[in-house]
């Protein structure tokens, strides 16, 4: 919550300086009021942004999550005031010390459906290219970081069968479609076996 409110304050300050008659503190309170309650009776998923970052040797950048010990590509909650591609670049830099550029989106996934997270979330995943930097794990979020070949993924990599082949195809420059969860039939009924 602290980080969210910090980002909100920066966004409000920017808006206050670009529009006459709006005070930054007033804008923050207005935005916070809208976030707190949402739309009554309508629950929506949170948004995460992930980055598949490849290096010149065709390896993928992974982080070991401090909270779970699992390895996965850099991922973070979407922040107010940033576009999804900006969040991807920011998360990679914060979590790993690596600078990158976004190439294109390669996946839109339901994280809860795939078993990645107990909270309803939609993850937008971008293919990114490494621009250099020094590998350094974020001290609170990551236990370790590194680049890995497809045949050398860490043992505790989170469900690589679901995303790694697609990710490495993108890193190799092969044409890839956007990966997404196909609709259930009919989608509003959920699992027909239940």
C-alpha atoms as a PDB file:
ATOM      1  CA  UNK A   1       0.000   0.000   0.000  1.00  0.00           C
ATOM      2  CA  UNK A   2       2.865   2.382   0.816  1.00  0.00           C
ATOM      3  CA  UNK A   3       4.388   1.983  -2.661  1.00  0.00           C
ATOM      4  CA  UNK A   4       0.992   2.435  -4.314  1.00  0.00           C
ATOM      5  CA  UNK A   5       0.355   5.667  -2.404  1.00  0.00           C
ATOM      6  CA  UNK A   6       3.857   6.911  -3.260  1.00  0.00           C
ATOM      7  CA  UNK A   7       3.281   6.320  -6.975  1.00  0.00           C
ATOM      8  CA  UNK A   8      -0.173   7.892  -6.679  1.00  0.00           C
ATOM      9  CA  UNK A   9       1.353  11.016  -5.090  1.00  0.00           C
ATOM     10  CA  UNK A  10       3.879  11.340  -7.938  1.00  0.00           C
ATOM     11  CA  UNK A  11       1.128  10.910 -10.550  1.00  0.00           C
ATOM     12  CA  UNK A  12      -1.034  13.502  -8.779  1.00  0.00           C
ATOM     13  CA  UNK A  13       1.882  15.935  -8.614  1.00  0.00           C
ATOM     14  CA  UNK A  14       2.455  15.539 -12.353  1.00  0.00           C
ATOM     15  CA  UNK A  15      -1.237  16.078 -13.049  1.00  0.00           C
ATOM     16  CA  UNK A  16      -1.355  19.100 -10.711  1.00  0.00           C
ATOM     17  CA  UNK A  17       1.479  20.723 -12.629  1.00  0.00           C
ATOM     18  CA  UNK A  18      -0.138  20.017 -15.999  1.00  0.00           C
ATOM     19  CA  UNK A  19      -3.694  21.166 -15.185  1.00  0.00           C
ATOM     20  CA  UNK A  20      -4.578  24.490 -13.558  1.00  0.00           C
ATOM     21  CA  UNK A  21      -6.721  24.421 -10.417  1.00  0.00           C
ATOM     22  CA  UNK A  22      -5.958  20.896  -9.155  1.00  0.00           C
ATOM     23  CA  UNK A  23      -3.962  20.444  -5.956  1.00  0.00           C
ATOM     24  CA  UNK A  24      -1.846  17.271  -5.768  1.00  0.00           C
ATOM     25  CA  UNK A  25      -3.081  16.315  -2.264  1.00  0.00           C
ATOM     26  CA  UNK A  26      -6.698  16.767  -3.348  1.00  0.00           C
ATOM     27  CA  UNK A  27      -6.099  14.577  -6.424  1.00  0.00           C
ATOM     28  CA  UNK A  28      -4.513  11.799  -4.317  1.00  0.00           C
ATOM     29  CA  UNK A  29      -7.503  11.768  -1.958  1.00  0.00           C
ATOM     30  CA  UNK A  30      -9.917  11.683  -4.899  1.00  0.00           C
ATOM     31  CA  UNK A  31      -8.076   8.731  -6.466  1.00  0.00           C
ATOM     32  CA  UNK A  32      -7.783   6.873  -3.149  1.00  0.00           C
ATOM     33  CA  UNK A  33     -11.520   7.305  -2.603  1.00  0.00           C
ATOM     34  CA  UNK A  34     -12.185   5.638  -5.949  1.00  0.00           C
ATOM     35  CA  UNK A  35      -9.794   2.756  -5.319  1.00  0.00           C
ATOM     36  CA  UNK A  36     -11.070   1.902  -1.852  1.00  0.00           C
ATOM     37  CA  UNK A  37     -14.601   0.938  -2.730  1.00  0.00           C
ATOM     38  CA  UNK A  38     -14.475  -0.031  -6.381  1.00  0.00           C
ATOM     39  CA  UNK A  39     -17.797  -0.856  -8.001  1.00  0.00           C
ATOM     40  CA  UNK A  40     -20.147  -2.517  -5.544  1.00  0.00           C
ATOM     41  CA  UNK A  41     -20.849  -6.155  -6.342  1.00  0.00           C
ATOM     42  CA  UNK A  42     -18.330  -6.342  -9.168  1.00  0.00           C
ATOM     43  CA  UNK A  43     -15.029  -8.049  -8.381  1.00  0.00           C
ATOM     44  CA  UNK A  44     -12.296  -7.697 -10.999  1.00  0.00           C
ATOM     45  CA  UNK A  45      -8.851  -9.320 -11.197  1.00  0.00           C
ATOM     46  CA  UNK A  46      -5.630  -7.498 -10.401  1.00  0.00           C
ATOM     47  CA  UNK A  47      -3.188  -6.890 -13.259  1.00  0.00           C
ATOM     48  CA  UNK A  48       0.393  -8.138 -13.271  1.00  0.00           C
ATOM     49  CA  UNK A  49       3.049  -7.516 -15.885  1.00  0.00           C
ATOM     50  CA  UNK A  50       5.794  -9.994 -16.732  1.00  0.00           C
ATOM     51  CA  UNK A  51       8.936  -9.739 -18.840  1.00  0.00           C
ATOM     52  CA  UNK A  52      10.595 -12.486 -20.859  1.00  0.00           C
ATOM     53  CA  UNK A  53      14.086 -11.017 -21.223  1.00  0.00           C
ATOM     54  CA  UNK A  54      16.566 -12.720 -23.511  1.00  0.00           C
ATOM     55  CA  UNK A  55      20.288 -12.069 -23.781  1.00  0.00           C
ATOM     56  CA  UNK A  56      22.634 -12.350 -26.785  1.00  0.00           C
ATOM     57  CA  UNK A  57      23.291 -16.014 -25.934  1.00  0.00           C
ATOM     58  CA  UNK A  58      19.594 -16.949 -26.133  1.00  0.00           C
ATOM     59  CA  UNK A  59      19.232 -17.338 -22.377  1.00  0.00           C
ATOM     60  CA  UNK A  60      16.279 -16.148 -20.293  1.00  0.00           C
ATOM     61  CA  UNK A  61      16.406 -13.869 -17.269  1.00  0.00           C
ATOM     62  CA  UNK A  62      14.797 -15.427 -14.185  1.00  0.00           C
ATOM     63  CA  UNK A  63      14.359 -14.318 -10.592  1.00  0.00           C
ATOM     64  CA  UNK A  64      14.027 -16.517  -7.530  1.00  0.00           C
ATOM     65  CA  UNK A  65      11.077 -15.141  -5.552  1.00  0.00           C
ATOM     66  CA  UNK A  66      12.037 -14.412  -1.937  1.00  0.00           C
ATOM     67  CA  UNK A  67       8.520 -15.213  -0.711  1.00  0.00           C
ATOM     68  CA  UNK A  68       8.228 -18.665  -2.295  1.00  0.00           C
ATOM     69  CA  UNK A  69      11.659 -19.774  -3.508  1.00  0.00           C
ATOM     70  CA  UNK A  70      10.233 -20.385  -6.993  1.00  0.00           C
ATOM     71  CA  UNK A  71      12.040 -19.166 -10.117  1.00  0.00           C
ATOM     72  CA  UNK A  72      10.065 -17.204 -12.722  1.00  0.00           C
ATOM     73  CA  UNK A  73      10.548 -14.372 -15.194  1.00  0.00           C
ATOM     74  CA  UNK A  74      10.423 -10.874 -13.603  1.00  0.00           C
ATOM     75  CA  UNK A  75       6.821  -9.997 -12.761  1.00  0.00           C
ATOM     76  CA  UNK A  76       5.087  -7.323 -10.739  1.00  0.00           C
ATOM     77  CA  UNK A  77       1.754  -5.694  -9.998  1.00  0.00           C
ATOM     78  CA  UNK A  78       0.717  -3.007 -12.459  1.00  0.00           C
ATOM     79  CA  UNK A  79       1.179   0.507 -11.054  1.00  0.00           C
ATOM     80  CA  UNK A  80      -1.159   3.467 -11.512  1.00  0.00           C
ATOM     81  CA  UNK A  81       0.422   6.028 -13.834  1.00  0.00           C
ATOM     82  CA  UNK A  82       2.534   3.511 -15.787  1.00  0.00           C
ATOM     83  CA  UNK A  83       1.646   1.717 -19.011  1.00  0.00           C
ATOM     84  CA  UNK A  84       2.049  -2.091 -18.963  1.00  0.00           C
ATOM     85  CA  UNK A  85       5.232  -1.877 -21.071  1.00  0.00           C
ATOM     86  CA  UNK A  86       6.675   0.722 -18.671  1.00  0.00           C
ATOM     87  CA  UNK A  87       5.901  -1.585 -15.743  1.00  0.00           C
ATOM     88  CA  UNK A  88       7.757  -4.408 -17.529  1.00  0.00           C
ATOM     89  CA  UNK A  89      10.903  -2.296 -17.949  1.00  0.00           C
ATOM     90  CA  UNK A  90      10.641  -0.968 -14.378  1.00  0.00           C
ATOM     91  CA  UNK A  91      10.139  -4.418 -12.810  1.00  0.00           C
ATOM     92  CA  UNK A  92      13.101  -5.902 -14.681  1.00  0.00           C
ATOM     93  CA  UNK A  93      15.345  -3.048 -13.553  1.00  0.00           C
ATOM     94  CA  UNK A  94      14.125  -3.140  -9.932  1.00  0.00           C
ATOM     95  CA  UNK A  95      14.218  -6.919  -9.521  1.00  0.00           C
ATOM     96  CA  UNK A  96      17.387  -7.723 -11.471  1.00  0.00           C
ATOM     97  CA  UNK A  97      19.500  -4.630 -12.210  1.00  0.00           C
ATOM     98  CA  UNK A  98      19.153  -5.315 -15.953  1.00  0.00           C
ATOM     99  CA  UNK A  99      18.012  -2.658 -18.432  1.00  0.00           C
ATOM    100  CA  UNK A 100      15.760  -3.860 -21.223  1.00  0.00           C
ATOM    101  CA  UNK A 101      13.588  -2.723 -24.086  1.00  0.00           C
ATOM    102  CA  UNK A 102      10.148  -4.102 -24.836  1.00  0.00           C
ATOM    103  CA  UNK A 103       9.808  -5.938 -28.154  1.00  0.00           C
ATOM    104  CA  UNK A 104       6.125  -6.925 -28.041  1.00  0.00           C
ATOM    105  CA  UNK A 105       3.435  -8.572 -25.924  1.00  0.00           C
ATOM    106  CA  UNK A 106       3.557 -12.368 -26.136  1.00  0.00           C
ATOM    107  CA  UNK A 107       1.039 -13.581 -23.548  1.00  0.00           C
ATOM    108  CA  UNK A 108      -2.138 -12.602 -21.710  1.00  0.00           C
ATOM    109  CA  UNK A 109      -2.818 -15.205 -19.035  1.00  0.00           C
ATOM    110  CA  UNK A 110      -5.162 -15.921 -16.133  1.00  0.00           C
ATOM    111  CA  UNK A 111      -2.695 -16.462 -13.287  1.00  0.00           C
ATOM    112  CA  UNK A 112      -5.253 -18.005 -10.959  1.00  0.00           C
ATOM    113  CA  UNK A 113      -6.457 -20.461 -13.614  1.00  0.00           C
ATOM    114  CA  UNK A 114      -2.865 -21.552 -14.244  1.00  0.00           C
ATOM    115  CA  UNK A 115      -2.218 -22.015 -10.529  1.00  0.00           C
ATOM    116  CA  UNK A 116       0.370 -19.233 -10.223  1.00  0.00           C
ATOM    117  CA  UNK A 117      -1.475 -17.220  -7.592  1.00  0.00           C
ATOM    118  CA  UNK A 118      -4.509 -17.579  -5.285  1.00  0.00           C
ATOM    119  CA  UNK A 119      -5.636 -14.005  -6.060  1.00  0.00           C
ATOM    120  CA  UNK A 120      -7.596 -13.467  -9.302  1.00  0.00           C
ATOM    121  CA  UNK A 121      -5.156 -11.834 -11.699  1.00  0.00           C
ATOM    122  CA  UNK A 122      -4.507 -11.283 -15.370  1.00  0.00           C
ATOM    123  CA  UNK A 123      -0.868 -11.237 -16.430  1.00  0.00           C
ATOM    124  CA  UNK A 124       0.345  -9.349 -19.495  1.00  0.00           C
ATOM    125  CA  UNK A 125       3.729 -10.754 -20.532  1.00  0.00           C
ATOM    126  CA  UNK A 126       6.150  -8.941 -22.840  1.00  0.00           C
ATOM    127  CA  UNK A 127       9.137 -10.221 -24.793  1.00  0.00           C
ATOM    128  CA  UNK A 128      12.038  -7.886 -23.968  1.00  0.00           C
ATOM    129  CA  UNK A 129      15.640  -7.571 -25.083  1.00  0.00           C
ATOM    130  CA  UNK A 130      18.447  -7.095 -22.564  1.00  0.00           C
ATOM    131  CA  UNK A 131      20.363  -3.829 -22.945  1.00  0.00           C
ATOM    132  CA  UNK A 132      22.947  -4.606 -20.278  1.00  0.00           C
ATOM    133  CA  UNK A 133      23.319  -3.678 -16.660  1.00  0.00           C
ATOM    134  CA  UNK A 134      24.654  -5.553 -13.666  1.00  0.00           C
ATOM    135  CA  UNK A 135      22.778  -8.561 -12.282  1.00  0.00           C
ATOM    136  CA  UNK A 136      21.696  -7.691  -8.764  1.00  0.00           C
ATOM    137  CA  UNK A 137      18.729  -9.245  -6.963  1.00  0.00           C
ATOM    138  CA  UNK A 138      16.283  -6.859  -5.296  1.00  0.00           C
ATOM    139  CA  UNK A 139      17.036  -7.345  -1.579  1.00  0.00           C
ATOM    140  CA  UNK A 140      13.390  -7.733  -0.495  1.00  0.00           C
ATOM    141  CA  UNK A 141      11.723  -9.381  -3.485  1.00  0.00           C
ATOM    142  CA  UNK A 142      14.320 -11.769  -4.905  1.00  0.00           C
ATOM    143  CA  UNK A 143      16.742 -14.297  -3.412  1.00  0.00           C
ATOM    144  CA  UNK A 144      18.710 -14.674  -6.644  1.00  0.00           C
ATOM    145  CA  UNK A 145      18.713 -13.705 -10.332  1.00  0.00           C
ATOM    146  CA  UNK A 146      20.377 -15.113 -13.411  1.00  0.00           C
ATOM    147  CA  UNK A 147      20.273 -15.913 -17.106  1.00  0.00           C
ATOM    148  CA  UNK A 148      19.527 -19.550 -17.977  1.00  0.00           C
ATOM    149  CA  UNK A 149      19.615 -21.674 -21.125  1.00  0.00           C
ATOM    150  CA  UNK A 150      16.448 -23.578 -22.014  1.00  0.00           C
ATOM    151  CA  UNK A 151      18.073 -26.876 -21.017  1.00  0.00           C
ATOM    152  CA  UNK A 152      19.389 -25.487 -17.709  1.00  0.00           C
ATOM    153  CA  UNK A 153      16.328 -23.982 -15.993  1.00  0.00           C
ATOM    154  CA  UNK A 154      16.539 -24.127 -12.183  1.00  0.00           C
ATOM    155  CA  UNK A 155      14.832 -27.094 -10.513  1.00  0.00           C
ATOM    156  CA  UNK A 156      12.209 -24.911  -8.793  1.00  0.00           C
ATOM    157  CA  UNK A 157      11.119 -23.052 -11.939  1.00  0.00           C
ATOM    158  CA  UNK A 158       7.381 -22.291 -11.733  1.00  0.00           C
ATOM    159  CA  UNK A 159       5.467 -24.419 -14.260  1.00  0.00           C
ATOM    160  CA  UNK A 160       7.917 -24.035 -17.183  1.00  0.00           C
ATOM    161  CA  UNK A 161       5.875 -26.408 -19.345  1.00  0.00           C
ATOM    162  CA  UNK A 162       3.218 -23.683 -19.571  1.00  0.00           C
ATOM    163  CA  UNK A 163       5.409 -20.818 -20.770  1.00  0.00           C
ATOM    164  CA  UNK A 164       9.087 -21.709 -21.387  1.00  0.00           C
ATOM    165  CA  UNK A 165       8.783 -23.140 -24.941  1.00  0.00           C
ATOM    166  CA  UNK A 166       6.854 -20.026 -26.032  1.00  0.00           C
ATOM    167  CA  UNK A 167       9.318 -17.723 -24.253  1.00  0.00           C
ATOM    168  CA  UNK A 168      12.413 -19.313 -25.782  1.00  0.00           C
ATOM    169  CA  UNK A 169      10.825 -19.245 -29.254  1.00  0.00           C
ATOM    170  CA  UNK A 170      10.387 -15.481 -28.853  1.00  0.00           C
ATOM    171  CA  UNK A 171      13.962 -15.086 -27.573  1.00  0.00           C
ATOM    172  CA  UNK A 172      15.277 -16.990 -30.631  1.00  0.00           C
ATOM    173  CA  UNK A 173      13.394 -14.553 -32.879  1.00  0.00           C
ATOM    174  CA  UNK A 174      10.897 -17.125 -34.097  1.00  0.00           C
ATOM    175  CA  UNK A 175       7.423 -15.812 -34.913  1.00  0.00           C
ATOM    176  CA  UNK A 176       5.098 -16.412 -31.964  1.00  0.00           C
ATOM    177  CA  UNK A 177       1.434 -15.658 -31.530  1.00  0.00           C
ATOM    178  CA  UNK A 178       0.169 -14.095 -28.334  1.00  0.00           C
ATOM    179  CA  UNK A 179      -0.343 -16.942 -25.867  1.00  0.00           C
ATOM    180  CA  UNK A 180      -3.694 -16.821 -24.070  1.00  0.00           C
ATOM    181  CA  UNK A 181      -6.106 -18.988 -22.108  1.00  0.00           C
ATOM    182  CA  UNK A 182      -8.639 -20.449 -24.504  1.00  0.00           C
ATOM    183  CA  UNK A 183     -12.283 -20.058 -23.457  1.00  0.00           C
ATOM    184  CA  UNK A 184     -14.016 -22.866 -21.662  1.00  0.00           C
ATOM    185  CA  UNK A 185     -17.188 -24.109 -23.346  1.00  0.00           C
ATOM    186  CA  UNK A 186     -19.409 -22.374 -22.373  1.00  0.00           C
ATOM    187  CA  UNK A 187     -17.117 -19.915 -20.565  1.00  0.00           C
ATOM    188  CA  UNK A 188     -19.621 -18.704 -17.972  1.00  0.00           C
ATOM    189  CA  UNK A 189     -20.229 -22.173 -16.526  1.00  0.00           C
ATOM    190  CA  UNK A 190     -16.646 -22.893 -15.500  1.00  0.00           C
ATOM    191  CA  UNK A 191     -15.625 -26.535 -15.256  1.00  0.00           C
ATOM    192  CA  UNK A 192     -18.440 -28.686 -16.698  1.00  0.00           C
ATOM    193  CA  UNK A 193     -17.407 -31.553 -14.385  1.00  0.00           C
ATOM    194  CA  UNK A 194     -18.323 -29.575 -11.265  1.00  0.00           C
END
